[in-house]
Amino acid sequence: MNNKEKKEKIVNFCKSLGLDTLGVTSIRRLTELEEHLIYRKNNELENEFESQDIESRINLESFLEGGKSIISIAFPYLFNDENTTDHVYFSKYTLGQDYHKVVTNYLKQICEYISELGGNSIYFVDSNPLPERYIANLCGVGFIGKNNMIITEKYGSFVFLGEIITDLELEEDEKIPSKCGDCDLCLKACPTKSIKEGISNSNICLSYITQKKNIEKEWFGLLNGRLFGCDTCQTVCPHNRKVIESNIKEFKPFPFMESPNIEELIKLDNKAFKEKYRLTSSGWRGKNIIIRNAMINAFIDGKFDPNLVKDISSPYLKDYYNRLLEL
């Protein structure tokens, strides 16, 4: 088989799994990213979830001996495009099953198929040093918007990304140029102005702030109903107005995630967390992050009942309770 035929087989296999947005680029050192990443490091724009080793982020040749191609695959997750910003809410990407596990299951199947074609491969999901959105752009999966998200033609920005590096040499796809034009809706709508023309600051993105271990008081009032994640820049994006909903059943929202109960969240115990929220993409940061965000939102909204936390035992949560009372 030639490079084109091998790629066609992999693409058709992915389509049989319901995955129709993917592409390929060759393995190389992404030298063009080095200056940008050094600038971010020197200006303290990196956050705790990023790899601090720049070389590991740009040298694709280091992940698999003999690696020749990297496949980027988009996993659409949107099931309900209703605007939820008028009440407390979880970001749309967290509403279904934990994407780390879901995407992993799909990528494993694809790697097994690549093995049947005689190739070796390794897969990646989220927690890795790869510049996933940049790679997806090189692979023709979508373009990178001004909000720094990958935006696909069919699903908009409502996609997760997964990558596979293989020693099979596959036909490459072409990079997609930006289609944002003069639109600046996401820049204007961003609550913290973390999105900027040029280099943005992910450290003040509200999605990141809702997930970080410690939140400074200055951000409390800006949570504005956000329990985990944000979605504001995606909500206003014109490319997200007429998108196709996901066909990946694992991402179908849980009812308790679509209509969160703030009192239940503040009183969340280990049993309820493991049986419900731990199953979602909001559970990876642990129970107390969710409780903390619920407390902040309830307090700022004037609906905080001290009786809900009168028996609070966690020093971490007690600290936030005391800080809220000082406002």
C-alpha atoms as a PDB file:
ATOM      1  CA  MET A   1       0.000   0.000   0.000  1.00  0.00           C
ATOM      2  CA  ASN A   2       1.171   3.535  -0.709  1.00  0.00           C
ATOM      3  CA  ASN A   3       0.890   6.479   1.721  1.00  0.00           C
ATOM      4  CA  LYS A   4      -2.476   7.558   0.338  1.00  0.00           C
ATOM      5  CA  GLU A   5      -4.026   4.088   0.557  1.00  0.00           C
ATOM      6  CA  LYS A   6      -2.860   3.553   4.152  1.00  0.00           C
ATOM      7  CA  LYS A   7      -4.304   6.885   5.156  1.00  0.00           C
ATOM      8  CA  GLU A   8      -7.619   6.134   3.432  1.00  0.00           C
ATOM      9  CA  LYS A   9      -7.926   2.887   5.361  1.00  0.00           C
ATOM     10  CA  ILE A  10      -7.333   4.658   8.676  1.00  0.00           C
ATOM     11  CA  VAL A  11      -9.765   7.456   7.780  1.00  0.00           C
ATOM     12  CA  ASN A  12     -12.450   4.933   6.828  1.00  0.00           C
ATOM     13  CA  PHE A  13     -11.897   2.999  10.052  1.00  0.00           C
ATOM     14  CA  CYS A  14     -12.299   6.218  12.051  1.00  0.00           C
ATOM     15  CA  LYS A  15     -15.495   6.988  10.154  1.00  0.00           C
ATOM     16  CA  SER A  16     -16.807   3.531  11.103  1.00  0.00           C
ATOM     17  CA  LEU A  17     -16.387   4.667  14.726  1.00  0.00           C
ATOM     18  CA  GLY A  18     -18.290   7.883  14.039  1.00  0.00           C
ATOM     19  CA  LEU A  19     -15.194  10.073  13.771  1.00  0.00           C
ATOM     20  CA  ASP A  20     -15.185  12.067  10.549  1.00  0.00           C
ATOM     21  CA  THR A  21     -12.924  15.032  11.294  1.00  0.00           C
ATOM     22  CA  LEU A  22      -9.244  14.110  11.294  1.00  0.00           C
ATOM     23  CA  GLY A  23      -6.017  14.808   9.455  1.00  0.00           C
ATOM     24  CA  VAL A  24      -2.317  14.022   9.226  1.00  0.00           C
ATOM     25  CA  THR A  25       0.960  15.906   9.297  1.00  0.00           C
ATOM     26  CA  SER A  26       4.535  14.625   9.275  1.00  0.00           C
ATOM     27  CA  ILE A  27       6.666  14.214  12.373  1.00  0.00           C
ATOM     28  CA  ARG A  28       9.245  16.943  12.836  1.00  0.00           C
ATOM     29  CA  ARG A  29      10.554  19.472  15.293  1.00  0.00           C
ATOM     30  CA  LEU A  30       8.111  22.381  15.420  1.00  0.00           C
ATOM     31  CA  THR A  31      10.872  24.970  15.413  1.00  0.00           C
ATOM     32  CA  GLU A  32       8.466  27.766  14.485  1.00  0.00           C
ATOM     33  CA  LEU A  33       6.820  27.511  17.933  1.00  0.00           C
ATOM     34  CA  GLU A  34      10.000  27.855  19.966  1.00  0.00           C
ATOM     35  CA  GLU A  35      10.197  31.653  20.087  1.00  0.00           C
ATOM     36  CA  HIS A  36       6.525  31.932  21.076  1.00  0.00           C
ATOM     37  CA  LEU A  37       6.864  29.398  23.889  1.00  0.00           C
ATOM     38  CA  ILE A  38      10.034  31.029  25.197  1.00  0.00           C
ATOM     39  CA  TYR A  39       8.221  34.375  25.268  1.00  0.00           C
ATOM     40  CA  ARG A  40       5.360  32.859  27.256  1.00  0.00           C
ATOM     41  CA  LYS A  41       7.766  31.292  29.733  1.00  0.00           C
ATOM     42  CA  ASN A  42       9.785  34.478  30.190  1.00  0.00           C
ATOM     43  CA  ASN A  43       6.637  36.530  30.707  1.00  0.00           C
ATOM     44  CA  GLU A  44       5.051  34.066  33.169  1.00  0.00           C
ATOM     45  CA  LEU A  45       2.158  33.259  30.837  1.00  0.00           C
ATOM     46  CA  GLU A  46       2.401  29.503  31.369  1.00  0.00           C
ATOM     47  CA  ASN A  47       0.008  27.859  33.813  1.00  0.00           C
ATOM     48  CA  GLU A  48       0.275  24.848  36.091  1.00  0.00           C
ATOM     49  CA  PHE A  49      -1.366  22.506  33.585  1.00  0.00           C
ATOM     50  CA  GLU A  50       1.286  23.093  30.912  1.00  0.00           C
ATOM     51  CA  SER A  51       4.558  21.249  30.452  1.00  0.00           C
ATOM     52  CA  GLN A  52       7.442  23.478  31.517  1.00  0.00           C
ATOM     53  CA  ASP A  53       9.845  21.724  29.130  1.00  0.00           C
ATOM     54  CA  ILE A  54       9.707  23.550  25.805  1.00  0.00           C
ATOM     55  CA  GLU A  55      11.707  20.932  23.924  1.00  0.00           C
ATOM     56  CA  SER A  56       9.200  18.235  24.837  1.00  0.00           C
ATOM     57  CA  ARG A  57       6.434  20.399  23.376  1.00  0.00           C
ATOM     58  CA  ILE A  58       8.015  20.984  19.984  1.00  0.00           C
ATOM     59  CA  ASN A  59      10.069  17.879  19.253  1.00  0.00           C
ATOM     60  CA  LEU A  60       7.535  15.404  17.874  1.00  0.00           C
ATOM     61  CA  GLU A  61      10.373  13.033  16.978  1.00  0.00           C
ATOM     62  CA  SER A  62      10.984  12.244  20.654  1.00  0.00           C
ATOM     63  CA  PHE A  63       7.726  10.395  21.350  1.00  0.00           C
ATOM     64  CA  LEU A  64       8.018   7.279  19.181  1.00  0.00           C
ATOM     65  CA  GLU A  65      11.158   5.778  17.724  1.00  0.00           C
ATOM     66  CA  GLY A  66      10.832   5.829  13.963  1.00  0.00           C
ATOM     67  CA  GLY A  67       7.682   7.951  14.110  1.00  0.00           C
ATOM     68  CA  LYS A  68       6.768   9.441  10.737  1.00  0.00           C
ATOM     69  CA  SER A  69       3.210  10.765  11.012  1.00  0.00           C
ATOM     70  CA  ILE A  70       0.902  12.301  13.591  1.00  0.00           C
ATOM     71  CA  ILE A  71      -2.853  11.952  13.260  1.00  0.00           C
ATOM     72  CA  SER A  72      -5.095  14.568  14.887  1.00  0.00           C
ATOM     73  CA  ILE A  73      -8.714  13.574  15.537  1.00  0.00           C
ATOM     74  CA  ALA A  74     -11.623  15.774  16.622  1.00  0.00           C
ATOM     75  CA  PHE A  75     -14.220  14.326  19.016  1.00  0.00           C
ATOM     76  CA  PRO A  76     -17.423  16.417  18.941  1.00  0.00           C
ATOM     77  CA  TYR A  77     -19.163  16.718  22.310  1.00  0.00           C
ATOM     78  CA  LEU A  78     -22.045  19.166  21.895  1.00  0.00           C
ATOM     79  CA  PHE A  79     -25.558  17.759  22.368  1.00  0.00           C
ATOM     80  CA  ASN A  80     -27.517  20.833  23.430  1.00  0.00           C
ATOM     81  CA  ASP A  81     -26.708  24.279  22.071  1.00  0.00           C
ATOM     82  CA  GLU A  82     -29.069  26.092  24.447  1.00  0.00           C
ATOM     83  CA  ASN A  83     -27.481  29.126  26.091  1.00  0.00           C
ATOM     84  CA  THR A  84     -27.075  28.331  29.800  1.00  0.00           C
ATOM     85  CA  THR A  85     -25.411  31.527  30.940  1.00  0.00           C
ATOM     86  CA  ASP A  86     -28.437  32.837  32.835  1.00  0.00           C
ATOM     87  CA  HIS A  87     -28.001  30.460  35.780  1.00  0.00           C
ATOM     88  CA  VAL A  88     -25.369  28.366  37.508  1.00  0.00           C
ATOM     89  CA  TYR A  89     -23.897  25.954  35.001  1.00  0.00           C
ATOM     90  CA  PHE A  90     -21.148  23.536  34.108  1.00  0.00           C
ATOM     91  CA  SER A  91     -19.295  24.099  30.835  1.00  0.00           C
ATOM     92  CA  LYS A  92     -20.741  22.084  27.959  1.00  0.00           C
ATOM     93  CA  TYR A  93     -17.624  19.950  27.651  1.00  0.00           C
ATOM     94  CA  THR A  94     -18.156  18.552  31.153  1.00  0.00           C
ATOM     95  CA  LEU A  95     -21.800  17.492  30.801  1.00  0.00           C
ATOM     96  CA  GLY A  96     -21.245  13.908  29.633  1.00  0.00           C
ATOM     97  CA  GLN A  97     -18.808  11.164  30.529  1.00  0.00           C
ATOM     98  CA  ASP A  98     -15.197  12.064  31.297  1.00  0.00           C
ATOM     99  CA  TYR A  99     -13.615  12.753  27.912  1.00  0.00           C
ATOM    100  CA  HIS A 100     -10.219  11.480  29.061  1.00  0.00           C
ATOM    101  CA  LYS A 101     -11.655   7.968  29.319  1.00  0.00           C
ATOM    102  CA  VAL A 102     -13.954   8.229  26.294  1.00  0.00           C
ATOM    103  CA  VAL A 103     -11.301   9.541  23.903  1.00  0.00           C
ATOM    104  CA  THR A 104      -8.786   7.009  25.208  1.00  0.00           C
ATOM    105  CA  ASN A 105     -11.133   4.130  24.365  1.00  0.00           C
ATOM    106  CA  TYR A 106     -11.520   5.348  20.787  1.00  0.00           C
ATOM    107  CA  LEU A 107      -7.805   5.985  20.283  1.00  0.00           C
ATOM    108  CA  LYS A 108      -6.944   2.513  21.555  1.00  0.00           C
ATOM    109  CA  GLN A 109      -9.173   0.993  18.877  1.00  0.00           C
ATOM    110  CA  ILE A 110      -7.517   3.080  16.182  1.00  0.00           C
ATOM    111  CA  CYS A 111      -4.052   2.105  17.390  1.00  0.00           C
ATOM    112  CA  GLU A 112      -5.079  -1.557  17.270  1.00  0.00           C
ATOM    113  CA  TYR A 113      -6.201  -1.071  13.671  1.00  0.00           C
ATOM    114  CA  ILE A 114      -2.894   0.610  12.796  1.00  0.00           C
ATOM    115  CA  SER A 115      -1.173  -2.465  14.246  1.00  0.00           C
ATOM    116  CA  GLU A 116      -3.188  -4.628  11.847  1.00  0.00           C
ATOM    117  CA  LEU A 117      -1.803  -2.493   9.022  1.00  0.00           C
ATOM    118  CA  GLY A 118       1.704  -3.295  10.239  1.00  0.00           C
ATOM    119  CA  GLY A 119       2.421  -0.045  12.073  1.00  0.00           C
ATOM    120  CA  ASN A 120       3.447   0.901  15.575  1.00  0.00           C
ATOM    121  CA  SER A 121       1.676   3.779  17.273  1.00  0.00           C
ATOM    122  CA  ILE A 122       1.146   5.681  20.505  1.00  0.00           C
ATOM    123  CA  TYR A 123      -1.860   7.815  21.489  1.00  0.00           C
ATOM    124  CA  PHE A 124      -2.270  11.025  23.482  1.00  0.00           C
ATOM    125  CA  VAL A 125      -5.234  12.555  25.311  1.00  0.00           C
ATOM    126  CA  ASP A 126      -5.099  16.018  26.885  1.00  0.00           C
ATOM    127  CA  SER A 127      -2.488  15.506  29.623  1.00  0.00           C
ATOM    128  CA  ASN A 128       0.589  15.590  27.434  1.00  0.00           C
ATOM    129  CA  PRO A 129       3.111  18.177  26.261  1.00  0.00           C
ATOM    130  CA  LEU A 130       1.911  18.253  22.639  1.00  0.00           C
ATOM    131  CA  PRO A 131       0.673  21.619  21.261  1.00  0.00           C
ATOM    132  CA  GLU A 132      -2.587  19.921  20.331  1.00  0.00           C
ATOM    133  CA  ARG A 133      -4.424  22.817  18.715  1.00  0.00           C
ATOM    134  CA  TYR A 134      -1.440  23.810  16.610  1.00  0.00           C
ATOM    135  CA  ILE A 135      -1.024  20.214  15.438  1.00  0.00           C
ATOM    136  CA  ALA A 136      -4.752  19.974  14.664  1.00  0.00           C
ATOM    137  CA  ASN A 137      -4.406  23.113  12.551  1.00  0.00           C
ATOM    138  CA  LEU A 138      -1.411  21.655  10.667  1.00  0.00           C
ATOM    139  CA  CYS A 139      -3.463  18.502  10.059  1.00  0.00           C
ATOM    140  CA  GLY A 140      -6.347  20.433   8.538  1.00  0.00           C
ATOM    141  CA  VAL A 141      -8.766  19.538  11.333  1.00  0.00           C
ATOM    142  CA  GLY A 142      -9.697  23.175  11.799  1.00  0.00           C
ATOM    143  CA  PHE A 143      -8.323  26.689  12.139  1.00  0.00           C
ATOM    144  CA  ILE A 144      -7.182  28.394  15.321  1.00  0.00           C
ATOM    145  CA  GLY A 145      -9.575  31.160  16.312  1.00  0.00           C
ATOM    146  CA  LYS A 146      -8.780  34.399  18.072  1.00  0.00           C
ATOM    147  CA  ASN A 147      -9.978  32.681  21.247  1.00  0.00           C
ATOM    148  CA  ASN A 148      -7.108  30.180  20.732  1.00  0.00           C
ATOM    149  CA  MET A 149      -9.515  27.298  20.209  1.00  0.00           C
ATOM    150  CA  ILE A 150      -9.503  24.928  17.253  1.00  0.00           C
ATOM    151  CA  ILE A 151     -12.609  25.603  15.168  1.00  0.00           C
ATOM    152  CA  THR A 152     -13.839  22.845  12.869  1.00  0.00           C
ATOM    153  CA  GLU A 153     -16.184  23.249   9.919  1.00  0.00           C
ATOM    154  CA  LYS A 154     -18.885  20.809  11.138  1.00  0.00           C
ATOM    155  CA  TYR A 155     -18.681  21.050  14.910  1.00  0.00           C
ATOM    156  CA  GLY A 156     -17.294  24.514  15.534  1.00  0.00           C
ATOM    157  CA  SER A 157     -15.057  24.632  18.590  1.00  0.00           C
ATOM    158  CA  PHE A 158     -17.096  22.059  20.510  1.00  0.00           C
ATOM    159  CA  VAL A 159     -14.544  19.282  20.090  1.00  0.00           C
ATOM    160  CA  PHE A 160     -11.958  17.422  22.109  1.00  0.00           C
ATOM    161  CA  LEU A 161      -8.682  16.521  20.438  1.00  0.00           C
ATOM    162  CA  GLY A 162      -6.755  13.276  20.440  1.00  0.00           C
ATOM    163  CA  GLU A 163      -3.497  12.429  18.681  1.00  0.00           C
ATOM    164  CA  ILE A 164      -1.790   9.301  17.418  1.00  0.00           C
ATOM    165  CA  ILE A 165       1.855   9.134  16.407  1.00  0.00           C
ATOM    166  CA  THR A 166       2.719   6.234  14.123  1.00  0.00           C
ATOM    167  CA  ASP A 167       5.716   4.938  12.210  1.00  0.00           C
ATOM    168  CA  LEU A 168       3.513   4.590   9.131  1.00  0.00           C
ATOM    169  CA  GLU A 169       4.208   7.228   6.534  1.00  0.00           C
ATOM    170  CA  LEU A 170       0.823   8.731   5.635  1.00  0.00           C
ATOM    171  CA  GLU A 171      -0.286  11.307   3.119  1.00  0.00           C
ATOM    172  CA  GLU A 172      -0.312  14.775   4.707  1.00  0.00           C
ATOM    173  CA  ASP A 173      -3.164  17.265   4.888  1.00  0.00           C
ATOM    174  CA  GLU A 174      -2.938  21.026   4.514  1.00  0.00           C
ATOM    175  CA  LYS A 175      -3.013  23.624   7.260  1.00  0.00           C
ATOM    176  CA  ILE A 176      -6.228  25.686   7.420  1.00  0.00           C
ATOM    177  CA  PRO A 177      -5.812  29.493   7.589  1.00  0.00           C
ATOM    178  CA  SER A 178      -7.789  31.540  10.109  1.00  0.00           C
ATOM    179  CA  LYS A 179     -11.362  32.431   9.158  1.00  0.00           C
ATOM    180  CA  CYS A 180     -11.936  34.946  11.953  1.00  0.00           C
ATOM    181  CA  GLY A 181     -11.333  37.962   9.726  1.00  0.00           C
ATOM    182  CA  ASP A 182     -12.169  41.230  11.471  1.00  0.00           C
ATOM    183  CA  CYS A 183     -14.522  39.568  13.974  1.00  0.00           C
ATOM    184  CA  ASP A 184     -13.652  40.417  17.581  1.00  0.00           C
ATOM    185  CA  LEU A 185     -16.747  39.180  19.414  1.00  0.00           C
ATOM    186  CA  CYS A 186     -14.790  36.788  21.641  1.00  0.00           C
ATOM    187  CA  LEU A 187     -12.296  39.496  22.587  1.00  0.00           C
ATOM    188  CA  LYS A 188     -15.106  41.831  23.614  1.00  0.00           C
ATOM    189  CA  ALA A 189     -17.087  39.139  25.466  1.00  0.00           C
ATOM    190  CA  CYS A 190     -14.234  37.619  27.493  1.00  0.00           C
ATOM    191  CA  PRO A 191     -15.062  38.491  31.149  1.00  0.00           C
ATOM    192  CA  THR A 192     -11.405  38.836  32.197  1.00  0.00           C
ATOM    193  CA  LYS A 193      -9.952  40.036  28.869  1.00  0.00           C
ATOM    194  CA  SER A 194      -7.632  37.051  28.804  1.00  0.00           C
ATOM    195  CA  ILE A 195      -8.164  36.858  25.002  1.00  0.00           C
ATOM    196  CA  LYS A 196      -6.110  39.395  23.101  1.00  0.00           C
ATOM    197  CA  GLU A 197      -4.956  40.030  19.570  1.00  0.00           C
ATOM    198  CA  GLY A 198      -1.589  38.298  19.493  1.00  0.00           C
ATOM    199  CA  ILE A 199      -0.604  36.517  22.702  1.00  0.00           C
ATOM    200  CA  SER A 200      -3.401  35.812  25.186  1.00  0.00           C
ATOM    201  CA  ASN A 201      -3.081  35.170  28.912  1.00  0.00           C
ATOM    202  CA  SER A 202      -4.542  31.789  29.849  1.00  0.00           C
ATOM    203  CA  ASN A 203      -3.762  32.437  33.517  1.00  0.00           C
ATOM    204  CA  ILE A 204      -6.727  34.789  33.768  1.00  0.00           C
ATOM    205  CA  CYS A 205      -9.106  32.702  31.640  1.00  0.00           C
ATOM    206  CA  LEU A 206     -12.176  31.959  33.777  1.00  0.00           C
ATOM    207  CA  SER A 207     -12.194  28.334  32.643  1.00  0.00           C
ATOM    208  CA  TYR A 208      -8.720  27.978  34.141  1.00  0.00           C
ATOM    209  CA  ILE A 209      -9.613  29.990  37.230  1.00  0.00           C
ATOM    210  CA  THR A 210     -12.553  27.698  38.044  1.00  0.00           C
ATOM    211  CA  GLN A 211     -10.145  24.749  37.974  1.00  0.00           C
ATOM    212  CA  LYS A 212      -7.055  26.116  39.704  1.00  0.00           C
ATOM    213  CA  LYS A 213      -6.422  25.200  43.324  1.00  0.00           C
ATOM    214  CA  ASN A 214      -6.488  28.714  44.728  1.00  0.00           C
ATOM    215  CA  ILE A 215      -8.721  31.548  43.552  1.00  0.00           C
ATOM    216  CA  GLU A 216      -7.942  35.128  44.556  1.00  0.00           C
ATOM    217  CA  LYS A 217     -10.841  37.245  45.851  1.00  0.00           C
ATOM    218  CA  GLU A 218     -10.736  39.500  42.804  1.00  0.00           C
ATOM    219  CA  TRP A 219     -12.207  36.699  40.682  1.00  0.00           C
ATOM    220  CA  PHE A 220     -15.105  35.705  42.965  1.00  0.00           C
ATOM    221  CA  GLY A 221     -17.647  38.063  41.435  1.00  0.00           C
ATOM    222  CA  LEU A 222     -16.682  37.136  37.884  1.00  0.00           C
ATOM    223  CA  LEU A 223     -17.594  33.471  38.268  1.00  0.00           C
ATOM    224  CA  ASN A 224     -21.171  34.598  37.630  1.00  0.00           C
ATOM    225  CA  GLY A 225     -22.721  31.124  37.707  1.00  0.00           C
ATOM    226  CA  ARG A 226     -19.719  29.214  36.382  1.00  0.00           C
ATOM    227  CA  LEU A 227     -19.254  25.978  38.314  1.00  0.00           C
ATOM    228  CA  PHE A 228     -16.502  24.533  36.114  1.00  0.00           C
ATOM    229  CA  GLY A 229     -15.308  26.006  32.837  1.00  0.00           C
ATOM    230  CA  CYS A 230     -16.624  29.099  31.069  1.00  0.00           C
ATOM    231  CA  ASP A 231     -17.934  28.837  27.443  1.00  0.00           C
ATOM    232  CA  THR A 232     -18.369  32.599  26.916  1.00  0.00           C
ATOM    233  CA  CYS A 233     -16.030  32.881  23.929  1.00  0.00           C
ATOM    234  CA  GLN A 234     -17.639  29.816  22.352  1.00  0.00           C
ATOM    235  CA  THR A 235     -21.160  31.110  22.903  1.00  0.00           C
ATOM    236  CA  VAL A 236     -20.557  34.329  20.956  1.00  0.00           C
ATOM    237  CA  CYS A 237     -18.496  32.774  18.148  1.00  0.00           C
ATOM    238  CA  PRO A 238     -20.301  32.965  14.756  1.00  0.00           C
ATOM    239  CA  HIS A 239     -18.706  29.676  13.704  1.00  0.00           C
ATOM    240  CA  ASN A 240     -20.629  27.938  16.510  1.00  0.00           C
ATOM    241  CA  ARG A 241     -24.091  29.104  15.431  1.00  0.00           C
ATOM    242  CA  LYS A 242     -25.001  26.288  13.063  1.00  0.00           C
ATOM    243  CA  VAL A 243     -22.951  23.328  14.174  1.00  0.00           C
ATOM    244  CA  ILE A 244     -23.797  19.655  13.986  1.00  0.00           C
ATOM    245  CA  GLU A 245     -24.403  17.938  17.318  1.00  0.00           C
ATOM    246  CA  SER A 246     -22.254  15.040  18.444  1.00  0.00           C
ATOM    247  CA  ASN A 247     -23.025  11.435  17.589  1.00  0.00           C
ATOM    248  CA  ILE A 248     -20.758  10.129  20.360  1.00  0.00           C
ATOM    249  CA  LYS A 249     -23.280   8.720  22.817  1.00  0.00           C
ATOM    250  CA  GLU A 250     -20.841   8.821  25.730  1.00  0.00           C
ATOM    251  CA  PHE A 251     -20.963  12.618  25.654  1.00  0.00           C
ATOM    252  CA  LYS A 252     -24.728  12.825  26.042  1.00  0.00           C
ATOM    253  CA  PRO A 253     -25.280  15.086  29.090  1.00  0.00           C
ATOM    254  CA  PHE A 254     -26.195  13.696  32.483  1.00  0.00           C
ATOM    255  CA  PRO A 255     -29.426  15.349  33.770  1.00  0.00           C
ATOM    256  CA  PHE A 256     -27.756  16.402  37.027  1.00  0.00           C
ATOM    257  CA  MET A 257     -25.089  18.236  34.996  1.00  0.00           C
ATOM    258  CA  GLU A 258     -27.561  20.068  32.757  1.00  0.00           C
ATOM    259  CA  SER A 259     -29.603  21.292  35.734  1.00  0.00           C
ATOM    260  CA  PRO A 260     -27.185  21.560  38.669  1.00  0.00           C
ATOM    261  CA  ASN A 261     -28.574  22.011  42.167  1.00  0.00           C
ATOM    262  CA  ILE A 262     -26.458  24.549  44.021  1.00  0.00           C
ATOM    263  CA  GLU A 263     -27.490  23.318  47.481  1.00  0.00           C
ATOM    264  CA  GLU A 264     -26.671  19.724  46.545  1.00  0.00           C
ATOM    265  CA  LEU A 265     -23.265  20.800  45.297  1.00  0.00           C
ATOM    266  CA  ILE A 266     -22.422  22.731  48.458  1.00  0.00           C
ATOM    267  CA  LYS A 267     -23.367  19.678  50.563  1.00  0.00           C
ATOM    268  CA  LEU A 268     -21.635  17.246  48.177  1.00  0.00           C
ATOM    269  CA  ASP A 269     -20.300  14.186  50.006  1.00  0.00           C
ATOM    270  CA  ASN A 270     -17.877  11.506  48.859  1.00  0.00           C
ATOM    271  CA  LYS A 271     -20.614   9.041  47.919  1.00  0.00           C
ATOM    272  CA  ALA A 272     -22.495  11.465  45.655  1.00  0.00           C
ATOM    273  CA  PHE A 273     -19.252  12.725  44.139  1.00  0.00           C
ATOM    274  CA  LYS A 274     -18.078   9.226  43.189  1.00  0.00           C
ATOM    275  CA  GLU A 275     -21.478   8.142  41.888  1.00  0.00           C
ATOM    276  CA  LYS A 276     -22.118  11.281  39.829  1.00  0.00           C
ATOM    277  CA  TYR A 277     -19.613  14.058  39.324  1.00  0.00           C
ATOM    278  CA  ARG A 278     -16.508  11.866  39.293  1.00  0.00           C
ATOM    279  CA  LEU A 279     -17.883  10.299  36.097  1.00  0.00           C
ATOM    280  CA  THR A 280     -17.649  13.638  34.283  1.00  0.00           C
ATOM    281  CA  SER A 281     -14.788  15.812  33.051  1.00  0.00           C
ATOM    282  CA  SER A 282     -15.342  18.128  36.027  1.00  0.00           C
ATOM    283  CA  GLY A 283     -14.369  15.439  38.512  1.00  0.00           C
ATOM    284  CA  TRP A 284     -10.657  15.202  37.831  1.00  0.00           C
ATOM    285  CA  ARG A 285      -9.870  18.183  40.087  1.00  0.00           C
ATOM    286  CA  GLY A 286     -11.678  16.600  43.009  1.00  0.00           C
ATOM    287  CA  LYS A 287     -14.789  17.215  45.094  1.00  0.00           C
ATOM    288  CA  ASN A 288     -13.655  20.334  46.944  1.00  0.00           C
ATOM    289  CA  ILE A 289     -13.095  22.389  43.793  1.00  0.00           C
ATOM    290  CA  ILE A 290     -16.749  21.880  42.830  1.00  0.00           C
ATOM    291  CA  ILE A 291     -17.965  22.665  46.359  1.00  0.00           C
ATOM    292  CA  ARG A 292     -15.786  25.799  46.495  1.00  0.00           C
ATOM    293  CA  ASN A 293     -17.149  27.113  43.193  1.00  0.00           C
ATOM    294  CA  ALA A 294     -20.713  26.398  44.300  1.00  0.00           C
ATOM    295  CA  MET A 295     -20.117  28.287  47.558  1.00  0.00           C
ATOM    296  CA  ILE A 296     -18.689  31.303  45.746  1.00  0.00           C
ATOM    297  CA  ASN A 297     -21.532  31.423  43.237  1.00  0.00           C
ATOM    298  CA  ALA A 298     -24.204  31.071  45.905  1.00  0.00           C
ATOM    299  CA  PHE A 299     -22.632  33.794  48.042  1.00  0.00           C
ATOM    300  CA  ILE A 300     -22.183  36.268  45.187  1.00  0.00           C
ATOM    301  CA  ASP A 301     -25.758  35.591  44.051  1.00  0.00           C
ATOM    302  CA  GLY A 302     -27.087  36.312  47.552  1.00  0.00           C
ATOM    303  CA  LYS A 303     -28.355  32.766  48.019  1.00  0.00           C
ATOM    304  CA  PHE A 304     -25.728  31.452  50.395  1.00  0.00           C
ATOM    305  CA  ASP A 305     -27.149  29.658  53.420  1.00  0.00           C
ATOM    306  CA  PRO A 306     -24.521  29.305  56.208  1.00  0.00           C
ATOM    307  CA  ASN A 307     -26.428  26.279  57.526  1.00  0.00           C
ATOM    308  CA  LEU A 308     -25.361  24.340  54.440  1.00  0.00           C
ATOM    309  CA  VAL A 309     -21.741  24.429  55.588  1.00  0.00           C
ATOM    310  CA  LYS A 310     -22.107  24.602  59.359  1.00  0.00           C
ATOM    311  CA  ASP A 311     -20.455  21.198  59.710  1.00  0.00           C
ATOM    312  CA  ILE A 312     -17.692  21.890  57.214  1.00  0.00           C
ATOM    313  CA  SER A 313     -14.530  19.968  58.155  1.00  0.00           C
ATOM    314  CA  SER A 314     -12.174  20.669  55.263  1.00  0.00           C
ATOM    315  CA  PRO A 315      -9.639  23.396  56.200  1.00  0.00           C
ATOM    316  CA  TYR A 316      -9.469  24.253  52.481  1.00  0.00           C
ATOM    317  CA  LEU A 317     -13.209  24.908  52.232  1.00  0.00           C
ATOM    318  CA  LYS A 318     -13.357  26.568  55.637  1.00  0.00           C
ATOM    319  CA  ASP A 319     -10.779  29.074  54.405  1.00  0.00           C
ATOM    320  CA  TYR A 320     -12.984  30.001  51.450  1.00  0.00           C
ATOM    321  CA  TYR A 321     -16.015  30.236  53.729  1.00  0.00           C
ATOM    322  CA  ASN A 322     -14.180  32.718  55.945  1.00  0.00           C
ATOM    323  CA  ARG A 323     -12.951  34.709  52.947  1.00  0.00           C
ATOM    324  CA  LEU A 324     -16.503  34.971  51.619  1.00  0.00           C
ATOM    325  CA  LEU A 325     -17.754  36.264  54.966  1.00  0.00           C
ATOM    326  CA  GLU A 326     -15.116  39.022  54.785  1.00  0.00           C
ATOM    327  CA  LEU A 327     -16.517  40.406  51.517  1.00  0.00           C
END
